[in-house]
Amino acid sequence: MKILNKTIYWLRVFEPLGLLIAIIALILTILQLRENSHIQGKQFETWKAEEQARQEDRANRAQQIKIWEEEKTQRDIDRAVRVATLFAQIAQVHALPDEKGLRALVPSLEIIANEKVSMKLINLSGTDLSGIDFSGMDLSRANLRGADLSGSNLSNTNLFNADLSEADLSNSNLKGAHLFKAVLRDANLMWSDLSEANLSRAQLQRAILRGVNFDRANLHAAYLDGASLLQADLENAEGLEQSDLLEVAPTEPPNSLPAGLTWPFEQTDY
């Protein structure tokens, strides 16, 4: 009984202290909640400002894209007008009966070449095109008969079924050119680079191929009747068969032939 009385006594003594502690804890909790609310408010304001900045940035990018597209459209229109004008000049010059103005085409052609505009089916027969860079262009089915292309760059150019008969292609760069079914009859390709070119089914009758580099060139089913191979490098040429060599000029042997092939003509045959 005495122990119970003492316990009640001490509880009554410390009751105000417990109440005080509870009040202090409540005050501290309220202060912490207010601090957290303040921090969250600041974080929300920061996020809101960042989101507004992102929206403005997206709007600016959209405006820039619109301006770029409008400028590109205008450039395409200007380019189309220039090209149409240049092709009209080409047609006008070719209309001259004496063809005296053909060399005047060079500046126009150089612009077209720089623009990488397709010149498929174009008629440039007899034109002086020496030294022009046509690399990577589309000249498929073009009429280049008798044109002067000496020293020109035709690397990786599409010359599918193009007419290059009697053209001067001496010292030109035709590396990787697509010459499938191209007509090169009586053409001069002396000292040109035809490495990696596709000459499959190309017509090379009576063509001058002296000193030509045929490294990894495809000569499958090419027509070589009467072609001059003097000093040509055919060591790594592909698609060439022994029977093809029976058709070439017998007095003008190449420097090298693919493995397994031999020059079919003897000294006495010359």
C-alpha atoms as a PDB file:
ATOM      1  CA  MET A   1       0.000   0.000   0.000  1.00  0.00           C
ATOM      2  CA  LYS A   2       2.821   2.342   0.849  1.00  0.00           C
ATOM      3  CA  ILE A   3       4.486   1.655  -2.536  1.00  0.00           C
ATOM      4  CA  LEU A   4       1.281   2.514  -4.423  1.00  0.00           C
ATOM      5  CA  ASN A   5       0.853   5.738  -2.469  1.00  0.00           C
ATOM      6  CA  LYS A   6       4.419   6.761  -3.220  1.00  0.00           C
ATOM      7  CA  THR A   7       3.933   6.039  -6.913  1.00  0.00           C
ATOM      8  CA  ILE A   8       0.811   8.213  -7.061  1.00  0.00           C
ATOM      9  CA  TYR A   9       2.650  10.932  -5.203  1.00  0.00           C
ATOM     10  CA  TRP A  10       5.522  11.040  -7.635  1.00  0.00           C
ATOM     11  CA  LEU A  11       3.199  10.958 -10.657  1.00  0.00           C
ATOM     12  CA  ARG A  12       1.431  14.026  -9.327  1.00  0.00           C
ATOM     13  CA  VAL A  13       4.782  15.719  -8.760  1.00  0.00           C
ATOM     14  CA  PHE A  14       5.983  15.108 -12.363  1.00  0.00           C
ATOM     15  CA  GLU A  15       2.635  15.614 -14.129  1.00  0.00           C
ATOM     16  CA  PRO A  16       3.254  19.306 -14.903  1.00  0.00           C
ATOM     17  CA  LEU A  17       6.710  18.445 -16.241  1.00  0.00           C
ATOM     18  CA  GLY A  18       5.272  15.793 -18.587  1.00  0.00           C
ATOM     19  CA  LEU A  19       2.668  18.258 -19.786  1.00  0.00           C
ATOM     20  CA  LEU A  20       5.398  20.813 -20.442  1.00  0.00           C
ATOM     21  CA  ILE A  21       7.439  18.288 -22.380  1.00  0.00           C
ATOM     22  CA  ALA A  22       4.407  17.412 -24.489  1.00  0.00           C
ATOM     23  CA  ILE A  23       3.724  21.077 -25.218  1.00  0.00           C
ATOM     24  CA  ILE A  24       7.344  21.659 -26.220  1.00  0.00           C
ATOM     25  CA  ALA A  25       7.252  18.601 -28.517  1.00  0.00           C
ATOM     26  CA  LEU A  26       4.050  19.897 -30.130  1.00  0.00           C
ATOM     27  CA  ILE A  27       5.594  23.313 -30.705  1.00  0.00           C
ATOM     28  CA  LEU A  28       8.703  21.747 -32.257  1.00  0.00           C
ATOM     29  CA  THR A  29       6.549  19.586 -34.542  1.00  0.00           C
ATOM     30  CA  ILE A  30       4.568  22.637 -35.696  1.00  0.00           C
ATOM     31  CA  LEU A  31       7.772  24.542 -36.371  1.00  0.00           C
ATOM     32  CA  GLN A  32       9.180  21.590 -38.358  1.00  0.00           C
ATOM     33  CA  LEU A  33       5.983  21.337 -40.408  1.00  0.00           C
ATOM     34  CA  ARG A  34       6.132  25.038 -41.196  1.00  0.00           C
ATOM     35  CA  GLU A  35       9.787  24.713 -42.213  1.00  0.00           C
ATOM     36  CA  ASN A  36       8.998  21.745 -44.445  1.00  0.00           C
ATOM     37  CA  SER A  37       6.090  23.635 -45.990  1.00  0.00           C
ATOM     38  CA  HIS A  38       8.369  26.597 -46.660  1.00  0.00           C
ATOM     39  CA  ILE A  39      10.978  24.372 -48.271  1.00  0.00           C
ATOM     40  CA  GLN A  40       8.361  22.628 -50.397  1.00  0.00           C
ATOM     41  CA  GLY A  41       7.021  26.007 -51.456  1.00  0.00           C
ATOM     42  CA  LYS A  42      10.477  27.081 -52.565  1.00  0.00           C
ATOM     43  CA  GLN A  43      10.984  23.783 -54.405  1.00  0.00           C
ATOM     44  CA  PHE A  44       7.648  24.230 -56.181  1.00  0.00           C
ATOM     45  CA  GLU A  45       8.568  27.781 -57.217  1.00  0.00           C
ATOM     46  CA  THR A  46      11.923  26.512 -58.519  1.00  0.00           C
ATOM     47  CA  TRP A  47      10.262  23.687 -60.458  1.00  0.00           C
ATOM     48  CA  LYS A  48       7.677  26.106 -61.860  1.00  0.00           C
ATOM     49  CA  ALA A  49      10.421  28.473 -63.030  1.00  0.00           C
ATOM     50  CA  GLU A  50      12.380  25.604 -64.579  1.00  0.00           C
ATOM     51  CA  GLU A  51       9.276  24.288 -66.336  1.00  0.00           C
ATOM     52  CA  GLN A  52       8.554  27.746 -67.721  1.00  0.00           C
ATOM     53  CA  ALA A  53      12.141  27.980 -68.955  1.00  0.00           C
ATOM     54  CA  ARG A  54      11.804  24.556 -70.619  1.00  0.00           C
ATOM     55  CA  GLN A  55       8.585  25.625 -72.333  1.00  0.00           C
ATOM     56  CA  GLU A  56      10.242  28.791 -73.600  1.00  0.00           C
ATOM     57  CA  ASP A  57      13.208  26.749 -74.821  1.00  0.00           C
ATOM     58  CA  ARG A  58      10.879  24.355 -76.679  1.00  0.00           C
ATOM     59  CA  ALA A  59       9.060  27.308 -78.214  1.00  0.00           C
ATOM     60  CA  ASN A  60      12.367  28.850 -79.314  1.00  0.00           C
ATOM     61  CA  ARG A  61      13.532  25.572 -80.856  1.00  0.00           C
ATOM     62  CA  ALA A  62      10.228  25.190 -82.684  1.00  0.00           C
ATOM     63  CA  GLN A  63      10.601  28.718 -84.036  1.00  0.00           C
ATOM     64  CA  GLN A  64      14.184  28.030 -85.120  1.00  0.00           C
ATOM     65  CA  ILE A  65      13.108  24.831 -86.892  1.00  0.00           C
ATOM     66  CA  LYS A  66      10.357  26.737 -88.675  1.00  0.00           C
ATOM     67  CA  ILE A  67      12.818  29.424 -89.786  1.00  0.00           C
ATOM     68  CA  TRP A  68      15.311  26.748 -90.924  1.00  0.00           C
ATOM     69  CA  GLU A  69      12.611  24.934 -92.918  1.00  0.00           C
ATOM     70  CA  GLU A  70      11.512  28.179 -94.571  1.00  0.00           C
ATOM     71  CA  GLU A  71      15.125  29.010 -95.445  1.00  0.00           C
ATOM     72  CA  LYS A  72      15.691  25.480 -96.803  1.00  0.00           C
ATOM     73  CA  THR A  73      12.556  25.741 -98.943  1.00  0.00           C
ATOM     74  CA  GLN A  74      13.779  29.044-100.325  1.00  0.00           C
ATOM     75  CA  ARG A  75      17.227  27.580-101.007  1.00  0.00           C
ATOM     76  CA  ASP A  76      15.637  24.637-102.831  1.00  0.00           C
ATOM     77  CA  ILE A  77      13.583  27.028-104.948  1.00  0.00           C
ATOM     78  CA  ASP A  78      16.625  29.172-105.739  1.00  0.00           C
ATOM     79  CA  ARG A  79      18.630  26.039-106.570  1.00  0.00           C
ATOM     80  CA  ALA A  80      15.912  24.729-108.888  1.00  0.00           C
ATOM     81  CA  VAL A  81      15.766  28.088-110.693  1.00  0.00           C
ATOM     82  CA  ARG A  82      19.563  28.167-111.087  1.00  0.00           C
ATOM     83  CA  VAL A  83      19.681  24.620-112.397  1.00  0.00           C
ATOM     84  CA  ALA A  84      16.824  25.225-114.826  1.00  0.00           C
ATOM     85  CA  THR A  85      18.592  28.342-116.079  1.00  0.00           C
ATOM     86  CA  LEU A  86      21.877  26.460-116.507  1.00  0.00           C
ATOM     87  CA  PHE A  87      20.247  23.628-118.426  1.00  0.00           C
ATOM     88  CA  ALA A  88      18.510  26.196-120.614  1.00  0.00           C
ATOM     89  CA  GLN A  89      21.911  27.740-121.362  1.00  0.00           C
ATOM     90  CA  ILE A  90      23.251  24.316-122.291  1.00  0.00           C
ATOM     91  CA  ALA A  91      20.357  23.724-124.670  1.00  0.00           C
ATOM     92  CA  GLN A  92      20.821  27.193-126.190  1.00  0.00           C
ATOM     93  CA  VAL A  93      24.545  26.702-126.792  1.00  0.00           C
ATOM     94  CA  HIS A  94      23.976  23.287-128.366  1.00  0.00           C
ATOM     95  CA  ALA A  95      21.482  24.929-130.707  1.00  0.00           C
ATOM     96  CA  LEU A  96      24.335  26.866-132.348  1.00  0.00           C
ATOM     97  CA  PRO A  97      25.096  25.245-135.702  1.00  0.00           C
ATOM     98  CA  ASP A  98      28.872  25.676-135.460  1.00  0.00           C
ATOM     99  CA  GLU A  99      29.069  24.691-131.731  1.00  0.00           C
ATOM    100  CA  LYS A 100      31.515  27.571-131.123  1.00  0.00           C
ATOM    101  CA  GLY A 101      29.989  28.291-127.743  1.00  0.00           C
ATOM    102  CA  LEU A 102      30.491  24.836-126.241  1.00  0.00           C
ATOM    103  CA  ARG A 103      33.468  25.896-124.124  1.00  0.00           C
ATOM    104  CA  ALA A 104      31.271  28.605-122.635  1.00  0.00           C
ATOM    105  CA  LEU A 105      29.304  25.812-120.991  1.00  0.00           C
ATOM    106  CA  VAL A 106      32.119  24.986-118.576  1.00  0.00           C
ATOM    107  CA  PRO A 107      31.213  27.528-115.847  1.00  0.00           C
ATOM    108  CA  SER A 108      27.582  26.378-115.945  1.00  0.00           C
ATOM    109  CA  LEU A 109      28.581  22.713-115.850  1.00  0.00           C
ATOM    110  CA  GLU A 110      30.958  23.286-112.973  1.00  0.00           C
ATOM    111  CA  ILE A 111      28.137  24.879-110.972  1.00  0.00           C
ATOM    112  CA  ILE A 112      25.856  21.931-111.756  1.00  0.00           C
ATOM    113  CA  ALA A 113      28.642  19.526-110.790  1.00  0.00           C
ATOM    114  CA  ASN A 114      29.170  21.320-107.497  1.00  0.00           C
ATOM    115  CA  GLU A 115      25.429  21.158-106.829  1.00  0.00           C
ATOM    116  CA  LYS A 116      25.559  17.380-107.528  1.00  0.00           C
ATOM    117  CA  VAL A 117      22.528  17.684-109.790  1.00  0.00           C
ATOM    118  CA  SER A 118      21.638  14.622-111.846  1.00  0.00           C
ATOM    119  CA  MET A 119      22.720  14.972-115.480  1.00  0.00           C
ATOM    120  CA  LYS A 120      21.056  11.778-116.604  1.00  0.00           C
ATOM    121  CA  LEU A 121      20.426  11.729-120.381  1.00  0.00           C
ATOM    122  CA  ILE A 122      22.174  15.094-120.846  1.00  0.00           C
ATOM    123  CA  ASN A 123      23.671  15.810-124.266  1.00  0.00           C
ATOM    124  CA  LEU A 124      27.238  17.108-123.980  1.00  0.00           C
ATOM    125  CA  SER A 125      28.581  15.558-127.140  1.00  0.00           C
ATOM    126  CA  GLY A 126      31.680  17.281-128.507  1.00  0.00           C
ATOM    127  CA  THR A 127      31.984  19.532-125.439  1.00  0.00           C
ATOM    128  CA  ASP A 128      35.307  20.487-123.866  1.00  0.00           C
ATOM    129  CA  LEU A 129      34.895  19.177-120.324  1.00  0.00           C
ATOM    130  CA  SER A 130      38.563  18.727-119.541  1.00  0.00           C
ATOM    131  CA  GLY A 131      39.523  18.986-115.889  1.00  0.00           C
ATOM    132  CA  ILE A 132      35.967  19.232-114.512  1.00  0.00           C
ATOM    133  CA  ASP A 133      35.101  17.426-111.287  1.00  0.00           C
ATOM    134  CA  PHE A 134      32.163  15.106-111.974  1.00  0.00           C
ATOM    135  CA  SER A 135      32.925  12.773-109.069  1.00  0.00           C
ATOM    136  CA  GLY A 136      29.917  10.943-107.640  1.00  0.00           C
ATOM    137  CA  MET A 137      27.495  12.416-110.185  1.00  0.00           C
ATOM    138  CA  ASP A 138      24.753  10.741-112.184  1.00  0.00           C
ATOM    139  CA  LEU A 139      25.658  10.804-115.883  1.00  0.00           C
ATOM    140  CA  SER A 140      23.803   7.632-116.746  1.00  0.00           C
ATOM    141  CA  ARG A 141      22.743   7.412-120.400  1.00  0.00           C
ATOM    142  CA  ALA A 142      24.414  10.767-121.051  1.00  0.00           C
ATOM    143  CA  ASN A 143      25.575  11.574-124.570  1.00  0.00           C
ATOM    144  CA  LEU A 144      29.283  12.358-124.219  1.00  0.00           C
ATOM    145  CA  ARG A 145      30.276  11.221-127.678  1.00  0.00           C
ATOM    146  CA  GLY A 146      33.491  12.925-128.796  1.00  0.00           C
ATOM    147  CA  ALA A 147      33.679  15.017-125.601  1.00  0.00           C
ATOM    148  CA  ASP A 148      37.030  16.080-124.171  1.00  0.00           C
ATOM    149  CA  LEU A 149      37.135  14.682-120.635  1.00  0.00           C
ATOM    150  CA  SER A 150      40.891  14.539-120.363  1.00  0.00           C
ATOM    151  CA  GLY A 151      42.173  15.090-116.828  1.00  0.00           C
ATOM    152  CA  SER A 152      38.631  15.097-115.435  1.00  0.00           C
ATOM    153  CA  ASN A 153      37.546  13.539-112.153  1.00  0.00           C
ATOM    154  CA  LEU A 154      34.911  10.868-112.765  1.00  0.00           C
ATOM    155  CA  SER A 155      35.564   8.806-109.657  1.00  0.00           C
ATOM    156  CA  ASN A 156      32.463   6.971-108.397  1.00  0.00           C
ATOM    157  CA  THR A 157      30.452   8.556-111.202  1.00  0.00           C
ATOM    158  CA  ASN A 158      27.418   6.752-112.577  1.00  0.00           C
ATOM    159  CA  LEU A 159      28.057   6.328-116.313  1.00  0.00           C
ATOM    160  CA  PHE A 160      25.661   3.457-116.854  1.00  0.00           C
ATOM    161  CA  ASN A 161      24.937   3.045-120.572  1.00  0.00           C
ATOM    162  CA  ALA A 162      26.542   6.430-121.291  1.00  0.00           C
ATOM    163  CA  ASP A 163      27.824   7.078-124.815  1.00  0.00           C
ATOM    164  CA  LEU A 164      31.535   7.885-124.511  1.00  0.00           C
ATOM    165  CA  SER A 165      32.509   6.722-127.972  1.00  0.00           C
ATOM    166  CA  GLU A 166      35.435   8.683-129.462  1.00  0.00           C
ATOM    167  CA  ALA A 167      35.705  10.660-126.206  1.00  0.00           C
ATOM    168  CA  ASP A 168      39.080  11.738-124.841  1.00  0.00           C
ATOM    169  CA  LEU A 169      39.386  10.335-121.309  1.00  0.00           C
ATOM    170  CA  SER A 170      43.160  10.346-121.141  1.00  0.00           C
ATOM    171  CA  ASN A 171      44.697  10.929-117.701  1.00  0.00           C
ATOM    172  CA  SER A 172      41.252  10.969-116.117  1.00  0.00           C
ATOM    173  CA  ASN A 173      40.248   9.555-112.736  1.00  0.00           C
ATOM    174  CA  LEU A 174      37.590   6.873-113.191  1.00  0.00           C
ATOM    175  CA  LYS A 175      38.236   5.023-109.948  1.00  0.00           C
ATOM    176  CA  GLY A 176      35.096   3.231-108.807  1.00  0.00           C
ATOM    177  CA  ALA A 177      33.096   4.544-111.772  1.00  0.00           C
ATOM    178  CA  HIS A 178      29.968   2.637-112.799  1.00  0.00           C
ATOM    179  CA  LEU A 179      30.459   1.944-116.505  1.00  0.00           C
ATOM    180  CA  PHE A 180      28.113  -1.004-116.881  1.00  0.00           C
ATOM    181  CA  LYS A 181      27.066  -1.203-120.565  1.00  0.00           C
ATOM    182  CA  ALA A 182      28.873   2.086-121.270  1.00  0.00           C
ATOM    183  CA  VAL A 183      29.854   2.693-124.887  1.00  0.00           C
ATOM    184  CA  LEU A 184      33.574   3.472-125.137  1.00  0.00           C
ATOM    185  CA  ARG A 185      34.245   2.513-128.727  1.00  0.00           C
ATOM    186  CA  ASP A 186      37.324   4.303-130.151  1.00  0.00           C
ATOM    187  CA  ALA A 187      37.693   6.242-126.875  1.00  0.00           C
ATOM    188  CA  ASN A 188      41.104   7.359-125.623  1.00  0.00           C
ATOM    189  CA  LEU A 189      41.656   6.256-122.010  1.00  0.00           C
ATOM    190  CA  MET A 190      45.439   6.439-122.088  1.00  0.00           C
ATOM    191  CA  TRP A 191      47.001   6.515-118.574  1.00  0.00           C
ATOM    192  CA  SER A 192      43.615   6.731-116.865  1.00  0.00           C
ATOM    193  CA  ASP A 193      42.782   5.196-113.488  1.00  0.00           C
ATOM    194  CA  LEU A 194      40.032   2.594-113.837  1.00  0.00           C
ATOM    195  CA  SER A 195      40.740   0.808-110.571  1.00  0.00           C
ATOM    196  CA  GLU A 196      37.620  -0.664-108.925  1.00  0.00           C
ATOM    197  CA  ALA A 197      35.513   0.498-111.877  1.00  0.00           C
ATOM    198  CA  ASN A 198      32.620  -1.632-113.123  1.00  0.00           C
ATOM    199  CA  LEU A 199      33.196  -2.208-116.841  1.00  0.00           C
ATOM    200  CA  SER A 200      30.958  -5.249-117.077  1.00  0.00           C
ATOM    201  CA  ARG A 201      29.526  -5.515-120.625  1.00  0.00           C
ATOM    202  CA  ALA A 202      31.131  -2.178-121.534  1.00  0.00           C
ATOM    203  CA  GLN A 203      31.895  -1.681-125.227  1.00  0.00           C
ATOM    204  CA  LEU A 204      35.631  -0.998-125.497  1.00  0.00           C
ATOM    205  CA  GLN A 205      36.127  -1.875-129.158  1.00  0.00           C
ATOM    206  CA  ARG A 206      39.283  -0.206-130.532  1.00  0.00           C
ATOM    207  CA  ALA A 207      39.661   1.825-127.346  1.00  0.00           C
ATOM    208  CA  ILE A 208      43.137   3.067-126.438  1.00  0.00           C
ATOM    209  CA  LEU A 209      43.830   1.570-123.003  1.00  0.00           C
ATOM    210  CA  ARG A 210      47.549   2.186-122.874  1.00  0.00           C
ATOM    211  CA  GLY A 211      48.956   2.382-119.346  1.00  0.00           C
ATOM    212  CA  VAL A 212      45.495   2.101-117.761  1.00  0.00           C
ATOM    213  CA  ASN A 213      45.277   0.939-114.149  1.00  0.00           C
ATOM    214  CA  PHE A 214      42.688  -1.873-113.981  1.00  0.00           C
ATOM    215  CA  ASP A 215      43.332  -2.800-110.335  1.00  0.00           C
ATOM    216  CA  ARG A 216      40.226  -4.718-109.109  1.00  0.00           C
ATOM    217  CA  ALA A 217      38.226  -3.451-112.095  1.00  0.00           C
ATOM    218  CA  ASN A 218      35.344  -5.652-113.271  1.00  0.00           C
ATOM    219  CA  LEU A 219      35.807  -6.565-116.944  1.00  0.00           C
ATOM    220  CA  HIS A 220      33.278  -9.376-117.059  1.00  0.00           C
ATOM    221  CA  ALA A 221      31.852  -9.767-120.587  1.00  0.00           C
ATOM    222  CA  ALA A 222      33.457  -6.485-121.703  1.00  0.00           C
ATOM    223  CA  TYR A 223      33.912  -6.101-125.467  1.00  0.00           C
ATOM    224  CA  LEU A 224      37.628  -5.629-126.158  1.00  0.00           C
ATOM    225  CA  ASP A 225      37.769  -6.203-129.918  1.00  0.00           C
ATOM    226  CA  GLY A 226      40.794  -4.366-131.293  1.00  0.00           C
ATOM    227  CA  ALA A 227      41.468  -2.555-127.999  1.00  0.00           C
ATOM    228  CA  SER A 228      45.034  -1.474-127.259  1.00  0.00           C
ATOM    229  CA  LEU A 229      46.279  -2.782-123.890  1.00  0.00           C
ATOM    230  CA  LEU A 230      49.876  -1.653-124.254  1.00  0.00           C
ATOM    231  CA  GLN A 231      51.512  -1.220-120.811  1.00  0.00           C
ATOM    232  CA  ALA A 232      48.154  -1.650-119.054  1.00  0.00           C
ATOM    233  CA  ASP A 233      48.116  -3.122-115.533  1.00  0.00           C
ATOM    234  CA  LEU A 234      45.661  -6.044-115.538  1.00  0.00           C
ATOM    235  CA  GLU A 235      47.208  -8.127-112.750  1.00  0.00           C
ATOM    236  CA  ASN A 236      44.263  -7.697-110.343  1.00  0.00           C
ATOM    237  CA  ALA A 237      41.532  -7.189-112.927  1.00  0.00           C
ATOM    238  CA  GLU A 238      38.405  -9.287-112.365  1.00  0.00           C
ATOM    239  CA  GLY A 239      36.167 -11.089-114.832  1.00  0.00           C
ATOM    240  CA  LEU A 240      38.737 -11.211-117.653  1.00  0.00           C
ATOM    241  CA  GLU A 241      38.954 -14.535-119.479  1.00  0.00           C
ATOM    242  CA  GLN A 242      41.578 -16.035-121.771  1.00  0.00           C
ATOM    243  CA  SER A 243      39.179 -15.870-124.719  1.00  0.00           C
ATOM    244  CA  ASP A 244      38.813 -12.104-124.235  1.00  0.00           C
ATOM    245  CA  LEU A 245      42.511 -11.626-124.975  1.00  0.00           C
ATOM    246  CA  LEU A 246      42.104 -13.177-128.413  1.00  0.00           C
ATOM    247  CA  GLU A 247      40.124 -10.122-129.524  1.00  0.00           C
ATOM    248  CA  VAL A 248      42.527  -7.332-128.503  1.00  0.00           C
ATOM    249  CA  ALA A 249      45.210  -5.675-130.634  1.00  0.00           C
ATOM    250  CA  PRO A 250      47.883  -8.411-130.883  1.00  0.00           C
ATOM    251  CA  THR A 251      50.896  -6.116-131.125  1.00  0.00           C
ATOM    252  CA  GLU A 252      50.295  -4.173-127.921  1.00  0.00           C
ATOM    253  CA  PRO A 253      50.653  -6.427-124.842  1.00  0.00           C
ATOM    254  CA  PRO A 254      49.913  -5.227-121.303  1.00  0.00           C
ATOM    255  CA  ASN A 255      52.468  -5.042-118.520  1.00  0.00           C
ATOM    256  CA  SER A 256      50.664  -7.693-116.473  1.00  0.00           C
ATOM    257  CA  LEU A 257      47.761 -10.140-116.618  1.00  0.00           C
ATOM    258  CA  PRO A 258      45.606 -11.861-113.983  1.00  0.00           C
ATOM    259  CA  ALA A 259      46.902 -15.125-112.566  1.00  0.00           C
ATOM    260  CA  GLY A 260      46.190 -18.039-114.901  1.00  0.00           C
ATOM    261  CA  LEU A 261      45.989 -15.929-118.067  1.00  0.00           C
ATOM    262  CA  THR A 262      48.705 -15.628-120.694  1.00  0.00           C
ATOM    263  CA  TRP A 263      49.280 -13.310-123.633  1.00  0.00           C
ATOM    264  CA  PRO A 264      48.049 -15.378-126.599  1.00  0.00           C
ATOM    265  CA  PHE A 265      50.184 -13.762-129.251  1.00  0.00           C
ATOM    266  CA  GLU A 266      53.803 -14.541-130.107  1.00  0.00           C
ATOM    267  CA  GLN A 267      56.375 -12.180-131.519  1.00  0.00           C
ATOM    268  CA  THR A 268      55.880 -13.766-134.919  1.00  0.00           C
ATOM    269  CA  ASP A 269      52.206 -12.864-134.862  1.00  0.00           C
ATOM    270  CA  TYR A 270      52.959  -9.125-134.854  1.00  0.00           C
END
